[in-house]
């Protein structure tokens, strides 16, 4: 009986070393992985993170061949990883990063040490390493299934607390702010313009000012009433 090997069978002996070399190279190249925050340095704006996935490591036999013995090995805690939050044009959205928060660590093409220390574009890599565990950036905003948000909005943009008790909800034609307490601090002037303004307080409405309080351009504490009548009569409108 004649047997004709397939193309894959014919080239496999020659290409096997190449595939082994490529596999070894891939094991050393880092791209991205989920991680969990161990600590946050608010001064340097960096985190220490524990990679969230253990890597399966195979072992070589004495002859240089891979055997069937493998082990799941945790990667080391990555130190001083720069955090990535939305920032541009002189404005930043900051996050109160806490231990246990999840993130995605993306590893740079080259050593980032010189850029991280000096900024700008005139930086030469200090070490000739690529996609190394030492050159990660921690992006915040990814999470695992045990940490999914309840009542995720599908109709608008929200800035919210995870528990949903504090929410700024932006829809196509309205903005709704929900919180236990709301404070507005304006160093100079706070202006509200609307067709109708409704102010309601379930217990009280307090208005105070260090200077004059005016209603319809009339000074509240110093205004006079016209048409004043003695006894139980009713006065006229504010003068």
C-alpha atoms as a PDB file:
ATOM      1  CA  UNK A   1       0.000   0.000   0.000  1.00  0.00           C
ATOM      2  CA  UNK A   2       1.451   3.332  -1.067  1.00  0.00           C
ATOM      3  CA  UNK A   3       1.386   6.176   1.494  1.00  0.00           C
ATOM      4  CA  UNK A   4       1.788   9.824   0.533  1.00  0.00           C
ATOM      5  CA  UNK A   5       2.424  12.206   3.431  1.00  0.00           C
ATOM      6  CA  UNK A   6       0.413  15.402   3.594  1.00  0.00           C
ATOM      7  CA  UNK A   7       2.010  18.787   3.167  1.00  0.00           C
ATOM      8  CA  UNK A   8       1.763  19.456   6.918  1.00  0.00           C
ATOM      9  CA  UNK A   9       3.415  16.129   7.689  1.00  0.00           C
ATOM     10  CA  UNK A  10       6.208  16.798   5.228  1.00  0.00           C
ATOM     11  CA  UNK A  11       7.099  20.254   6.524  1.00  0.00           C
ATOM     12  CA  UNK A  12       6.523  19.613  10.243  1.00  0.00           C
ATOM     13  CA  UNK A  13      10.011  18.224  11.022  1.00  0.00           C
ATOM     14  CA  UNK A  14      11.647  21.273   9.455  1.00  0.00           C
ATOM     15  CA  UNK A  15       9.347  23.878  10.947  1.00  0.00           C
ATOM     16  CA  UNK A  16       9.062  22.447  14.456  1.00  0.00           C
ATOM     17  CA  UNK A  17      12.181  24.308  15.711  1.00  0.00           C
ATOM     18  CA  UNK A  18      10.799  27.538  14.252  1.00  0.00           C
ATOM     19  CA  UNK A  19       7.490  27.121  16.048  1.00  0.00           C
ATOM     20  CA  UNK A  20       9.304  26.332  19.272  1.00  0.00           C
ATOM     21  CA  UNK A  21      11.371  29.517  18.880  1.00  0.00           C
ATOM     22  CA  UNK A  22       8.259  31.569  18.168  1.00  0.00           C
ATOM     23  CA  UNK A  23       6.517  30.084  21.195  1.00  0.00           C
ATOM     24  CA  UNK A  24       9.494  30.916  23.390  1.00  0.00           C
ATOM     25  CA  UNK A  25       9.512  34.484  22.026  1.00  0.00           C
ATOM     26  CA  UNK A  26       5.767  34.891  22.642  1.00  0.00           C
ATOM     27  CA  UNK A  27       6.224  33.778  26.246  1.00  0.00           C
ATOM     28  CA  UNK A  28       8.569  36.710  26.823  1.00  0.00           C
ATOM     29  CA  UNK A  29       6.511  39.415  25.058  1.00  0.00           C
ATOM     30  CA  UNK A  30       3.974  41.278  27.199  1.00  0.00           C
ATOM     31  CA  UNK A  31       1.020  43.153  25.699  1.00  0.00           C
ATOM     32  CA  UNK A  32      -1.698  43.609  28.330  1.00  0.00           C
ATOM     33  CA  UNK A  33      -3.347  41.827  31.240  1.00  0.00           C
ATOM     34  CA  UNK A  34      -5.905  42.518  33.982  1.00  0.00           C
ATOM     35  CA  UNK A  35      -4.553  43.304  37.417  1.00  0.00           C
ATOM     36  CA  UNK A  36      -5.733  44.233  40.917  1.00  0.00           C
ATOM     37  CA  UNK A  37      -4.485  47.275  42.816  1.00  0.00           C
ATOM     38  CA  UNK A  38      -2.374  46.546  45.899  1.00  0.00           C
ATOM     39  CA  UNK A  39      -1.628  50.188  46.760  1.00  0.00           C
ATOM     40  CA  UNK A  40      -1.965  53.678  45.281  1.00  0.00           C
ATOM     41  CA  UNK A  41       0.525  56.527  45.624  1.00  0.00           C
ATOM     42  CA  UNK A  42      -1.497  59.746  45.240  1.00  0.00           C
ATOM     43  CA  UNK A  43       1.682  61.866  45.160  1.00  0.00           C
ATOM     44  CA  UNK A  44       3.382  60.051  42.268  1.00  0.00           C
ATOM     45  CA  UNK A  45       0.046  58.899  40.808  1.00  0.00           C
ATOM     46  CA  UNK A  46       1.272  55.327  40.447  1.00  0.00           C
ATOM     47  CA  UNK A  47      -0.045  51.986  41.620  1.00  0.00           C
ATOM     48  CA  UNK A  48       1.374  48.678  42.703  1.00  0.00           C
ATOM     49  CA  UNK A  49      -0.700  45.938  41.095  1.00  0.00           C
ATOM     50  CA  UNK A  50      -0.929  42.174  41.227  1.00  0.00           C
ATOM     51  CA  UNK A  51      -1.443  40.610  37.785  1.00  0.00           C
ATOM     52  CA  UNK A  52      -4.751  38.743  37.999  1.00  0.00           C
ATOM     53  CA  UNK A  53      -3.891  35.707  35.866  1.00  0.00           C
ATOM     54  CA  UNK A  54      -1.362  33.035  36.723  1.00  0.00           C
ATOM     55  CA  UNK A  55       0.806  31.784  33.881  1.00  0.00           C
ATOM     56  CA  UNK A  56       1.203  28.097  33.037  1.00  0.00           C
ATOM     57  CA  UNK A  57       4.895  27.277  32.885  1.00  0.00           C
ATOM     58  CA  UNK A  58       6.234  24.151  31.161  1.00  0.00           C
ATOM     59  CA  UNK A  59       9.547  22.534  31.980  1.00  0.00           C
ATOM     60  CA  UNK A  60      12.391  21.392  29.751  1.00  0.00           C
ATOM     61  CA  UNK A  61      13.933  17.941  29.995  1.00  0.00           C
ATOM     62  CA  UNK A  62      17.662  17.436  30.057  1.00  0.00           C
ATOM     63  CA  UNK A  63      17.723  17.006  26.286  1.00  0.00           C
ATOM     64  CA  UNK A  64      16.075  20.352  25.682  1.00  0.00           C
ATOM     65  CA  UNK A  65      12.615  18.908  24.954  1.00  0.00           C
ATOM     66  CA  UNK A  66       9.410  20.087  26.615  1.00  0.00           C
ATOM     67  CA  UNK A  67       7.836  17.558  28.949  1.00  0.00           C
ATOM     68  CA  UNK A  68       4.261  17.325  30.172  1.00  0.00           C
ATOM     69  CA  UNK A  69       4.917  18.830  33.599  1.00  0.00           C
ATOM     70  CA  UNK A  70       3.414  22.304  34.010  1.00  0.00           C
ATOM     71  CA  UNK A  71       2.737  24.652  36.907  1.00  0.00           C
ATOM     72  CA  UNK A  72       0.589  27.776  37.339  1.00  0.00           C
ATOM     73  CA  UNK A  73       2.910  30.551  38.494  1.00  0.00           C
ATOM     74  CA  UNK A  74       1.697  33.962  39.795  1.00  0.00           C
ATOM     75  CA  UNK A  75       3.528  36.936  38.334  1.00  0.00           C
ATOM     76  CA  UNK A  76       5.217  39.338  40.761  1.00  0.00           C
ATOM     77  CA  UNK A  77       3.561  42.528  42.026  1.00  0.00           C
ATOM     78  CA  UNK A  78       4.328  45.312  39.542  1.00  0.00           C
ATOM     79  CA  UNK A  79       5.634  48.427  41.277  1.00  0.00           C
ATOM     80  CA  UNK A  80       5.253  52.132  40.375  1.00  0.00           C
ATOM     81  CA  UNK A  81       2.918  51.601  37.429  1.00  0.00           C
ATOM     82  CA  UNK A  82       1.728  54.999  36.068  1.00  0.00           C
ATOM     83  CA  UNK A  83      -2.060  55.362  36.176  1.00  0.00           C
ATOM     84  CA  UNK A  84      -4.087  56.380  33.108  1.00  0.00           C
ATOM     85  CA  UNK A  85      -7.209  58.523  33.617  1.00  0.00           C
ATOM     86  CA  UNK A  86      -8.851  60.997  31.184  1.00  0.00           C
ATOM     87  CA  UNK A  87      -6.585  64.092  31.014  1.00  0.00           C
ATOM     88  CA  UNK A  88      -5.985  66.714  28.315  1.00  0.00           C
ATOM     89  CA  UNK A  89      -6.171  70.437  27.665  1.00  0.00           C
ATOM     90  CA  UNK A  90      -5.476  71.424  31.258  1.00  0.00           C
ATOM     91  CA  UNK A  91      -8.297  69.298  32.736  1.00  0.00           C
ATOM     92  CA  UNK A  92      -8.345  65.912  34.453  1.00  0.00           C
ATOM     93  CA  UNK A  93     -10.948  63.436  35.674  1.00  0.00           C
ATOM     94  CA  UNK A  94      -9.422  61.928  38.816  1.00  0.00           C
ATOM     95  CA  UNK A  95     -10.451  58.684  40.493  1.00  0.00           C
ATOM     96  CA  UNK A  96     -10.089  57.773  44.198  1.00  0.00           C
ATOM     97  CA  UNK A  97      -8.177  54.570  43.398  1.00  0.00           C
ATOM     98  CA  UNK A  98      -8.382  51.997  46.185  1.00  0.00           C
ATOM     99  CA  UNK A  99      -6.716  48.638  46.917  1.00  0.00           C
ATOM    100  CA  UNK A 100      -8.789  45.912  45.284  1.00  0.00           C
ATOM    101  CA  UNK A 101      -9.751  48.018  42.265  1.00  0.00           C
ATOM    102  CA  UNK A 102      -9.333  46.272  38.934  1.00  0.00           C
ATOM    103  CA  UNK A 103      -7.439  47.701  35.966  1.00  0.00           C
ATOM    104  CA  UNK A 104      -5.847  46.752  32.663  1.00  0.00           C
ATOM    105  CA  UNK A 105      -2.057  46.975  32.497  1.00  0.00           C
ATOM    106  CA  UNK A 106      -0.696  47.707  29.009  1.00  0.00           C
ATOM    107  CA  UNK A 107       3.044  47.245  28.434  1.00  0.00           C
ATOM    108  CA  UNK A 108       5.048  49.708  26.370  1.00  0.00           C
ATOM    109  CA  UNK A 109       7.062  48.839  23.274  1.00  0.00           C
ATOM    110  CA  UNK A 110      10.239  50.158  24.886  1.00  0.00           C
ATOM    111  CA  UNK A 111      11.687  51.045  28.276  1.00  0.00           C
ATOM    112  CA  UNK A 112       9.663  54.001  29.613  1.00  0.00           C
ATOM    113  CA  UNK A 113      11.985  55.009  32.477  1.00  0.00           C
ATOM    114  CA  UNK A 114      13.562  58.074  30.813  1.00  0.00           C
ATOM    115  CA  UNK A 115      10.196  59.458  29.656  1.00  0.00           C
ATOM    116  CA  UNK A 116       8.568  58.812  33.034  1.00  0.00           C
ATOM    117  CA  UNK A 117      11.298  60.742  34.838  1.00  0.00           C
ATOM    118  CA  UNK A 118      11.671  63.666  32.420  1.00  0.00           C
ATOM    119  CA  UNK A 119       8.630  63.856  30.115  1.00  0.00           C
ATOM    120  CA  UNK A 120       8.838  65.460  26.701  1.00  0.00           C
ATOM    121  CA  UNK A 121      10.169  63.739  23.599  1.00  0.00           C
ATOM    122  CA  UNK A 122      13.955  63.890  23.975  1.00  0.00           C
ATOM    123  CA  UNK A 123      14.308  60.525  25.715  1.00  0.00           C
ATOM    124  CA  UNK A 124      16.582  57.581  24.948  1.00  0.00           C
ATOM    125  CA  UNK A 125      15.617  54.189  26.340  1.00  0.00           C
ATOM    126  CA  UNK A 126      17.756  53.342  29.330  1.00  0.00           C
ATOM    127  CA  UNK A 127      17.556  49.595  28.691  1.00  0.00           C
ATOM    128  CA  UNK A 128      16.953  47.760  25.413  1.00  0.00           C
ATOM    129  CA  UNK A 129      13.908  45.872  26.612  1.00  0.00           C
ATOM    130  CA  UNK A 130      10.568  45.521  24.839  1.00  0.00           C
ATOM    131  CA  UNK A 131       7.085  44.690  26.144  1.00  0.00           C
ATOM    132  CA  UNK A 132       8.562  44.145  29.579  1.00  0.00           C
ATOM    133  CA  UNK A 133       6.721  43.774  32.887  1.00  0.00           C
ATOM    134  CA  UNK A 134       8.588  46.880  34.066  1.00  0.00           C
ATOM    135  CA  UNK A 135       6.968  49.159  31.480  1.00  0.00           C
ATOM    136  CA  UNK A 136       3.268  48.957  32.252  1.00  0.00           C
ATOM    137  CA  UNK A 137       0.505  51.586  32.312  1.00  0.00           C
ATOM    138  CA  UNK A 138      -2.569  50.947  34.470  1.00  0.00           C
ATOM    139  CA  UNK A 139      -5.824  51.842  32.684  1.00  0.00           C
ATOM    140  CA  UNK A 140      -8.857  52.063  34.964  1.00  0.00           C
ATOM    141  CA  UNK A 141     -12.356  51.224  33.804  1.00  0.00           C
ATOM    142  CA  UNK A 142     -12.377  47.459  33.223  1.00  0.00           C
ATOM    143  CA  UNK A 143     -13.903  44.990  35.677  1.00  0.00           C
ATOM    144  CA  UNK A 144     -14.721  41.329  36.116  1.00  0.00           C
ATOM    145  CA  UNK A 145     -18.193  39.811  36.330  1.00  0.00           C
ATOM    146  CA  UNK A 146     -18.321  39.736  40.165  1.00  0.00           C
ATOM    147  CA  UNK A 147     -17.996  43.541  40.092  1.00  0.00           C
ATOM    148  CA  UNK A 148     -20.561  44.472  37.436  1.00  0.00           C
ATOM    149  CA  UNK A 149     -22.613  47.610  38.128  1.00  0.00           C
ATOM    150  CA  UNK A 150     -26.242  47.383  39.121  1.00  0.00           C
ATOM    151  CA  UNK A 151     -28.739  49.477  37.123  1.00  0.00           C
ATOM    152  CA  UNK A 152     -26.282  50.263  34.329  1.00  0.00           C
ATOM    153  CA  UNK A 153     -27.819  53.107  32.318  1.00  0.00           C
ATOM    154  CA  UNK A 154     -28.561  52.349  28.668  1.00  0.00           C
ATOM    155  CA  UNK A 155     -30.125  55.750  27.935  1.00  0.00           C
ATOM    156  CA  UNK A 156     -27.595  58.357  29.029  1.00  0.00           C
ATOM    157  CA  UNK A 157     -24.113  59.228  30.242  1.00  0.00           C
ATOM    158  CA  UNK A 158     -23.621  58.839  33.981  1.00  0.00           C
ATOM    159  CA  UNK A 159     -20.977  59.835  36.473  1.00  0.00           C
ATOM    160  CA  UNK A 160     -21.941  57.725  39.456  1.00  0.00           C
ATOM    161  CA  UNK A 161     -20.900  55.901  42.572  1.00  0.00           C
ATOM    162  CA  UNK A 162     -20.841  52.126  42.252  1.00  0.00           C
ATOM    163  CA  UNK A 163     -23.722  51.791  44.721  1.00  0.00           C
ATOM    164  CA  UNK A 164     -25.874  54.129  42.617  1.00  0.00           C
ATOM    165  CA  UNK A 165     -26.628  56.532  45.487  1.00  0.00           C
ATOM    166  CA  UNK A 166     -24.843  59.450  43.834  1.00  0.00           C
ATOM    167  CA  UNK A 167     -25.473  59.989  40.132  1.00  0.00           C
ATOM    168  CA  UNK A 168     -25.062  62.728  37.542  1.00  0.00           C
ATOM    169  CA  UNK A 169     -27.228  61.562  34.652  1.00  0.00           C
ATOM    170  CA  UNK A 170     -26.969  63.296  31.262  1.00  0.00           C
ATOM    171  CA  UNK A 171     -29.783  62.541  28.802  1.00  0.00           C
ATOM    172  CA  UNK A 172     -30.451  64.053  25.389  1.00  0.00           C
ATOM    173  CA  UNK A 173     -32.641  66.829  26.855  1.00  0.00           C
ATOM    174  CA  UNK A 174     -32.027  66.901  30.601  1.00  0.00           C
ATOM    175  CA  UNK A 175     -29.463  66.553  33.375  1.00  0.00           C
ATOM    176  CA  UNK A 176     -30.441  64.938  36.669  1.00  0.00           C
ATOM    177  CA  UNK A 177     -28.267  65.109  39.781  1.00  0.00           C
ATOM    178  CA  UNK A 178     -29.048  62.682  42.610  1.00  0.00           C
ATOM    179  CA  UNK A 179     -27.160  62.788  45.922  1.00  0.00           C
ATOM    180  CA  UNK A 180     -27.661  62.904  49.671  1.00  0.00           C
ATOM    181  CA  UNK A 181     -26.002  66.323  49.852  1.00  0.00           C
ATOM    182  CA  UNK A 182     -25.132  68.808  47.087  1.00  0.00           C
ATOM    183  CA  UNK A 183     -22.790  71.778  47.527  1.00  0.00           C
ATOM    184  CA  UNK A 184     -21.989  74.432  44.911  1.00  0.00           C
ATOM    185  CA  UNK A 185     -19.016  76.703  45.569  1.00  0.00           C
ATOM    186  CA  UNK A 186     -18.579  79.724  43.304  1.00  0.00           C
ATOM    187  CA  UNK A 187     -15.669  82.064  44.003  1.00  0.00           C
ATOM    188  CA  UNK A 188     -17.344  84.966  42.223  1.00  0.00           C
ATOM    189  CA  UNK A 189     -20.826  84.534  40.731  1.00  0.00           C
ATOM    190  CA  UNK A 190     -23.282  81.656  40.344  1.00  0.00           C
ATOM    191  CA  UNK A 191     -25.920  82.259  37.670  1.00  0.00           C
ATOM    192  CA  UNK A 192     -28.997  80.155  36.924  1.00  0.00           C
ATOM    193  CA  UNK A 193     -31.067  81.012  33.861  1.00  0.00           C
ATOM    194  CA  UNK A 194     -34.265  79.163  32.977  1.00  0.00           C
ATOM    195  CA  UNK A 195     -37.817  79.698  31.827  1.00  0.00           C
ATOM    196  CA  UNK A 196     -39.104  78.501  35.189  1.00  0.00           C
ATOM    197  CA  UNK A 197     -37.126  77.871  38.384  1.00  0.00           C
ATOM    198  CA  UNK A 198     -38.707  75.724  41.088  1.00  0.00           C
ATOM    199  CA  UNK A 199     -37.182  75.464  44.560  1.00  0.00           C
ATOM    200  CA  UNK A 200     -38.742  73.017  46.999  1.00  0.00           C
ATOM    201  CA  UNK A 201     -37.629  71.958  50.441  1.00  0.00           C
ATOM    202  CA  UNK A 202     -39.301  69.167  52.395  1.00  0.00           C
ATOM    203  CA  UNK A 203     -38.358  70.805  55.708  1.00  0.00           C
ATOM    204  CA  UNK A 204     -37.042  74.322  54.979  1.00  0.00           C
ATOM    205  CA  UNK A 205     -35.581  76.688  52.400  1.00  0.00           C
ATOM    206  CA  UNK A 206     -32.838  78.951  53.755  1.00  0.00           C
ATOM    207  CA  UNK A 207     -31.416  81.935  51.861  1.00  0.00           C
ATOM    208  CA  UNK A 208     -28.679  84.069  53.396  1.00  0.00           C
ATOM    209  CA  UNK A 209     -26.042  86.508  52.189  1.00  0.00           C
ATOM    210  CA  UNK A 210     -23.300  88.596  53.746  1.00  0.00           C
ATOM    211  CA  UNK A 211     -24.476  91.542  51.635  1.00  0.00           C
ATOM    212  CA  UNK A 212     -27.877  92.517  50.278  1.00  0.00           C
ATOM    213  CA  UNK A 213     -30.385  89.903  49.173  1.00  0.00           C
ATOM    214  CA  UNK A 214     -32.489  91.136  46.270  1.00  0.00           C
ATOM    215  CA  UNK A 215     -35.745  89.817  44.846  1.00  0.00           C
ATOM    216  CA  UNK A 216     -36.915  91.358  41.550  1.00  0.00           C
ATOM    217  CA  UNK A 217     -34.155  93.958  42.067  1.00  0.00           C
ATOM    218  CA  UNK A 218     -35.680  94.967  45.432  1.00  0.00           C
ATOM    219  CA  UNK A 219     -33.502  94.764  48.535  1.00  0.00           C
ATOM    220  CA  UNK A 220     -35.164  92.162  50.744  1.00  0.00           C
ATOM    221  CA  UNK A 221     -34.309  93.577  54.202  1.00  0.00           C
ATOM    222  CA  UNK A 222     -34.670  97.275  53.352  1.00  0.00           C
ATOM    223  CA  UNK A 223     -37.665  97.339  51.042  1.00  0.00           C
ATOM    224  CA  UNK A 224     -40.805  99.426  51.774  1.00  0.00           C
ATOM    225  CA  UNK A 225     -44.461  98.717  51.175  1.00  0.00           C
ATOM    226  CA  UNK A 226     -46.838 101.200  49.607  1.00  0.00           C
ATOM    227  CA  UNK A 227     -50.452 101.735  50.593  1.00  0.00           C
ATOM    228  CA  UNK A 228     -49.875 100.971  54.266  1.00  0.00           C
ATOM    229  CA  UNK A 229     -53.124 101.032  56.291  1.00  0.00           C
ATOM    230  CA  UNK A 230     -53.461 101.106  60.077  1.00  0.00           C
ATOM    231  CA  UNK A 231     -54.879  98.248  62.103  1.00  0.00           C
ATOM    232  CA  UNK A 232     -55.577  94.978  60.335  1.00  0.00           C
ATOM    233  CA  UNK A 233     -55.416  96.390  56.846  1.00  0.00           C
ATOM    234  CA  UNK A 234     -53.306  94.947  54.032  1.00  0.00           C
ATOM    235  CA  UNK A 235     -50.364  96.899  52.693  1.00  0.00           C
ATOM    236  CA  UNK A 236     -49.667  97.490  49.047  1.00  0.00           C
ATOM    237  CA  UNK A 237     -46.897  95.946  46.913  1.00  0.00           C
ATOM    238  CA  UNK A 238     -43.173  96.360  47.490  1.00  0.00           C
ATOM    239  CA  UNK A 239     -42.073  99.871  46.592  1.00  0.00           C
END
